[in-house]
N, C-alpha and C. Protein backbone atom coordinates (compact mmCIF):
# COMPACT_ATOMS: atom_id res chain seq x y z
N UNK A 1 258.16 369.30 61.99
CA UNK A 1 258.49 369.31 60.58
C UNK A 1 259.71 370.21 60.40
N UNK A 2 260.69 369.71 59.69
CA UNK A 2 261.87 370.53 59.43
C UNK A 2 261.75 371.22 58.06
N UNK A 3 262.74 372.02 57.73
CA UNK A 3 262.70 372.81 56.49
C UNK A 3 262.59 371.91 55.26
N UNK A 4 263.36 370.84 55.22
CA UNK A 4 263.37 369.95 54.05
C UNK A 4 262.00 369.32 53.83
N UNK A 5 261.37 368.87 54.90
CA UNK A 5 260.03 368.28 54.80
C UNK A 5 259.02 369.31 54.31
N UNK A 6 259.11 370.52 54.86
CA UNK A 6 258.21 371.60 54.45
C UNK A 6 258.37 371.91 52.97
N UNK A 7 259.61 372.02 52.50
CA UNK A 7 259.88 372.33 51.09
C UNK A 7 259.33 371.23 50.20
N UNK A 8 259.51 369.97 50.59
CA UNK A 8 258.99 368.85 49.78
C UNK A 8 257.48 368.89 49.67
N UNK A 9 256.79 369.18 50.77
CA UNK A 9 255.32 369.27 50.74
C UNK A 9 254.88 370.44 49.87
N UNK A 10 255.55 371.59 50.03
CA UNK A 10 255.21 372.77 49.23
C UNK A 10 255.42 372.48 47.75
N UNK A 11 256.52 371.86 47.40
CA UNK A 11 256.81 371.54 46.00
C UNK A 11 255.76 370.59 45.43
N UNK A 12 255.38 369.60 46.22
CA UNK A 12 254.38 368.62 45.77
C UNK A 12 253.02 369.27 45.54
N UNK A 13 252.60 370.10 46.48
CA UNK A 13 251.26 370.71 46.38
C UNK A 13 251.16 371.80 45.31
N UNK A 14 252.28 372.41 44.95
CA UNK A 14 252.25 373.49 43.97
C UNK A 14 252.80 373.06 42.61
N UNK A 15 253.15 371.79 42.46
CA UNK A 15 253.74 371.25 41.22
C UNK A 15 254.99 372.04 40.82
N UNK A 16 255.79 372.41 41.81
CA UNK A 16 257.05 373.10 41.56
C UNK A 16 258.19 372.10 41.75
N UNK A 17 259.33 372.44 41.20
CA UNK A 17 260.54 371.68 41.50
C UNK A 17 260.95 372.03 42.93
N UNK A 18 261.63 371.12 43.58
CA UNK A 18 262.07 371.34 44.96
C UNK A 18 262.95 372.58 45.07
N UNK A 19 263.84 372.78 44.09
CA UNK A 19 264.73 373.95 44.12
C UNK A 19 263.93 375.25 44.00
N UNK A 20 262.87 375.23 43.17
CA UNK A 20 262.03 376.43 43.03
C UNK A 20 261.25 376.72 44.31
N UNK A 21 260.77 375.67 44.95
CA UNK A 21 260.05 375.84 46.22
C UNK A 21 260.99 376.39 47.29
N UNK A 22 262.22 375.88 47.32
CA UNK A 22 263.21 376.37 48.29
C UNK A 22 263.51 377.85 48.04
N UNK A 23 263.66 378.22 46.77
CA UNK A 23 263.93 379.61 46.42
C UNK A 23 262.76 380.51 46.84
N UNK A 24 261.53 380.03 46.61
CA UNK A 24 260.34 380.80 46.98
C UNK A 24 260.31 381.05 48.49
N UNK A 25 260.58 380.02 49.27
CA UNK A 25 260.59 380.16 50.73
C UNK A 25 261.71 381.10 51.17
N UNK A 26 262.89 380.97 50.55
CA UNK A 26 264.01 381.85 50.89
C UNK A 26 263.66 383.32 50.63
N UNK A 27 263.03 383.59 49.49
CA UNK A 27 262.63 384.97 49.15
C UNK A 27 261.58 385.46 50.14
N UNK A 28 260.61 384.62 50.47
CA UNK A 28 259.57 385.00 51.43
C UNK A 28 260.17 385.37 52.78
N UNK A 29 261.09 384.55 53.26
CA UNK A 29 261.72 384.81 54.55
C UNK A 29 262.54 386.10 54.50
N UNK A 30 263.23 386.33 53.41
CA UNK A 30 264.02 387.55 53.26
C UNK A 30 263.13 388.79 53.26
N UNK A 31 262.03 388.73 52.51
CA UNK A 31 261.12 389.88 52.45
C UNK A 31 260.48 390.13 53.82
N UNK A 32 260.06 389.06 54.50
CA UNK A 32 259.50 389.22 55.84
C UNK A 32 260.52 389.84 56.79
N UNK A 33 261.75 389.34 56.74
CA UNK A 33 262.81 389.88 57.59
C UNK A 33 263.07 391.36 57.33
N UNK A 34 263.07 391.75 56.05
CA UNK A 34 263.26 393.16 55.71
C UNK A 34 262.14 394.03 56.28
N UNK A 35 260.92 393.53 56.19
CA UNK A 35 259.77 394.27 56.74
C UNK A 35 259.90 394.41 58.26
N UNK A 36 260.29 393.33 58.94
CA UNK A 36 260.43 393.37 60.39
C UNK A 36 261.54 394.33 60.80
N UNK A 37 262.64 394.35 60.06
CA UNK A 37 263.75 395.25 60.38
C UNK A 37 263.34 396.71 60.25
N UNK A 38 262.38 397.00 59.37
CA UNK A 38 261.87 398.36 59.21
C UNK A 38 260.78 398.68 60.23
N UNK A 39 260.40 397.69 61.03
CA UNK A 39 259.38 397.89 62.05
C UNK A 39 257.96 397.75 61.54
N UNK A 40 257.81 397.23 60.32
CA UNK A 40 256.48 397.09 59.72
C UNK A 40 255.80 395.80 60.19
N UNK A 41 254.48 395.84 60.25
CA UNK A 41 253.69 394.65 60.50
C UNK A 41 253.39 393.98 59.17
N UNK A 42 253.22 392.66 59.20
CA UNK A 42 252.88 391.92 57.99
C UNK A 42 251.65 391.08 58.30
N UNK A 43 250.58 391.29 57.51
CA UNK A 43 249.36 390.52 57.67
C UNK A 43 249.20 389.59 56.48
N UNK A 44 249.07 388.30 56.75
CA UNK A 44 248.87 387.31 55.71
C UNK A 44 247.42 386.85 55.78
N UNK A 45 246.69 387.06 54.70
CA UNK A 45 245.26 386.73 54.67
C UNK A 45 245.04 385.27 55.01
N UNK A 46 244.03 384.99 55.80
CA UNK A 46 243.64 383.64 56.21
C UNK A 46 244.73 382.91 57.00
N UNK A 47 245.69 383.65 57.56
CA UNK A 47 246.74 383.02 58.36
C UNK A 47 246.94 383.76 59.67
N UNK A 48 247.36 385.03 59.60
CA UNK A 48 247.58 385.79 60.82
C UNK A 48 248.45 387.01 60.54
N UNK A 49 248.88 387.66 61.61
CA UNK A 49 249.66 388.88 61.49
C UNK A 49 250.92 388.80 62.34
N UNK A 50 252.03 389.24 61.75
CA UNK A 50 253.29 389.38 62.46
C UNK A 50 253.46 390.85 62.78
N UNK A 51 253.86 391.15 64.00
CA UNK A 51 253.99 392.54 64.42
C UNK A 51 255.24 392.71 65.28
N UNK A 52 255.97 393.80 65.01
CA UNK A 52 257.13 394.14 65.83
C UNK A 52 256.62 395.01 66.97
N UNK A 53 256.81 394.56 68.20
CA UNK A 53 256.34 395.30 69.37
C UNK A 53 257.52 395.74 70.22
N UNK A 54 257.35 396.85 70.91
CA UNK A 54 258.39 397.35 71.80
C UNK A 54 258.02 396.98 73.23
N UNK A 55 258.91 396.26 73.89
CA UNK A 55 258.72 395.95 75.30
C UNK A 55 259.41 397.05 76.10
N UNK A 56 258.70 397.62 77.04
CA UNK A 56 259.23 398.71 77.84
C UNK A 56 260.26 398.19 78.84
N UNK A 57 261.09 399.12 79.33
CA UNK A 57 262.05 398.70 80.34
C UNK A 57 261.30 398.33 81.61
N UNK A 58 261.88 397.42 82.37
CA UNK A 58 261.22 396.95 83.58
C UNK A 58 262.28 396.54 84.60
N UNK A 59 261.83 396.38 85.82
CA UNK A 59 262.72 395.93 86.88
C UNK A 59 262.49 394.44 87.09
N UNK A 60 263.58 393.69 87.10
CA UNK A 60 263.53 392.26 87.29
C UNK A 60 264.21 391.93 88.62
N UNK A 61 263.70 390.92 89.31
CA UNK A 61 264.29 390.49 90.56
C UNK A 61 264.86 389.09 90.38
N UNK A 62 266.15 388.93 90.68
CA UNK A 62 266.79 387.62 90.62
C UNK A 62 266.24 386.79 91.77
N UNK A 63 265.59 385.66 91.49
CA UNK A 63 264.94 384.89 92.56
C UNK A 63 265.90 384.29 93.58
N UNK A 64 267.13 384.01 93.18
CA UNK A 64 268.06 383.39 94.13
C UNK A 64 268.74 384.41 95.03
N UNK A 65 269.08 385.58 94.48
CA UNK A 65 269.81 386.57 95.27
C UNK A 65 268.91 387.70 95.77
N UNK A 66 267.75 387.86 95.13
CA UNK A 66 266.87 388.96 95.51
C UNK A 66 267.33 390.30 94.94
N UNK A 67 268.39 390.28 94.14
CA UNK A 67 268.93 391.52 93.56
C UNK A 67 268.00 392.02 92.46
N UNK A 68 267.75 393.32 92.49
CA UNK A 68 266.89 393.96 91.48
C UNK A 68 267.78 394.48 90.35
N UNK A 69 267.32 394.25 89.10
CA UNK A 69 268.07 394.71 87.93
C UNK A 69 267.12 395.38 86.96
N UNK A 70 267.63 396.36 86.23
CA UNK A 70 266.85 397.06 85.23
C UNK A 70 267.05 396.36 83.89
N UNK A 71 265.96 395.91 83.29
CA UNK A 71 266.00 395.28 81.98
C UNK A 71 265.69 396.37 80.96
N UNK A 72 266.58 396.63 80.00
CA UNK A 72 266.36 397.70 79.04
C UNK A 72 265.22 397.38 78.06
N UNK A 73 264.66 398.40 77.42
CA UNK A 73 263.60 398.15 76.44
C UNK A 73 264.16 397.39 75.24
N UNK A 74 263.28 396.63 74.58
CA UNK A 74 263.72 395.88 73.41
C UNK A 74 262.55 395.67 72.46
N UNK A 75 262.88 395.33 71.21
CA UNK A 75 261.87 395.02 70.21
C UNK A 75 261.73 393.51 70.12
N UNK A 76 260.48 393.04 70.04
CA UNK A 76 260.21 391.61 69.93
C UNK A 76 259.23 391.38 68.78
N UNK A 77 259.29 390.20 68.19
CA UNK A 77 258.39 389.84 67.12
C UNK A 77 257.24 389.03 67.70
N UNK A 78 256.02 389.44 67.39
CA UNK A 78 254.84 388.74 67.90
C UNK A 78 254.00 388.25 66.73
N UNK A 79 253.31 387.13 66.93
CA UNK A 79 252.41 386.59 65.91
C UNK A 79 251.03 386.44 66.50
N UNK A 80 250.04 386.92 65.77
CA UNK A 80 248.65 386.78 66.19
C UNK A 80 247.93 385.99 65.10
N UNK A 81 247.54 384.75 65.39
CA UNK A 81 246.89 383.93 64.36
C UNK A 81 245.49 384.43 64.02
N UNK A 82 245.06 384.12 62.81
CA UNK A 82 243.71 384.39 62.35
C UNK A 82 242.74 383.65 63.27
N UNK A 83 241.58 384.21 63.52
CA UNK A 83 240.61 383.59 64.43
C UNK A 83 240.20 382.19 63.98
N UNK A 84 240.06 381.99 62.67
CA UNK A 84 239.67 380.67 62.16
C UNK A 84 240.73 379.63 62.52
N UNK A 85 242.01 379.97 62.36
CA UNK A 85 243.09 379.04 62.72
C UNK A 85 243.13 378.82 64.22
N UNK A 86 242.93 379.89 64.96
CA UNK A 86 242.95 379.79 66.42
C UNK A 86 241.87 378.81 66.90
N UNK A 87 240.67 378.92 66.33
CA UNK A 87 239.58 378.03 66.69
C UNK A 87 239.86 376.58 66.28
N UNK A 88 240.42 376.39 65.08
CA UNK A 88 240.75 375.03 64.63
C UNK A 88 241.74 374.37 65.57
N UNK A 89 242.75 375.11 65.99
CA UNK A 89 243.77 374.56 66.87
C UNK A 89 243.19 374.24 68.23
N UNK A 90 242.30 375.12 68.74
CA UNK A 90 241.66 374.86 70.04
C UNK A 90 240.86 373.57 70.01
N UNK A 91 240.24 373.29 68.85
CA UNK A 91 239.40 372.10 68.73
C UNK A 91 240.21 370.86 68.34
N UNK A 92 241.52 370.98 68.35
CA UNK A 92 242.37 369.83 68.07
C UNK A 92 242.55 369.56 66.59
N UNK A 93 242.35 370.55 65.74
CA UNK A 93 242.57 370.39 64.31
C UNK A 93 241.32 370.01 63.55
N UNK A 94 240.21 369.79 64.24
CA UNK A 94 238.96 369.45 63.54
C UNK A 94 238.41 370.67 62.83
N UNK A 95 237.82 370.46 61.69
CA UNK A 95 237.31 371.58 60.87
C UNK A 95 236.08 372.19 61.42
């Protein structure tokens, strides 16, 4: 599903105009991005949690040359789905 399809479904289900639904999604993404940039976690009820995690530095080996390299630490965004969603997906979408 692309952004346009998502916006159309959201607008239809919420009885919003397409432009209003697009604006709502844009604001949501902006607010989430601001939270992530501050290093905050965001938990959405009945959906899951987004968390900024720090990956420690590590040594990587190039498989073709065998050369060892140091990979610096970095921040990554992780998502942990709600258990109910996780179970639904495992069962192939059945309720």
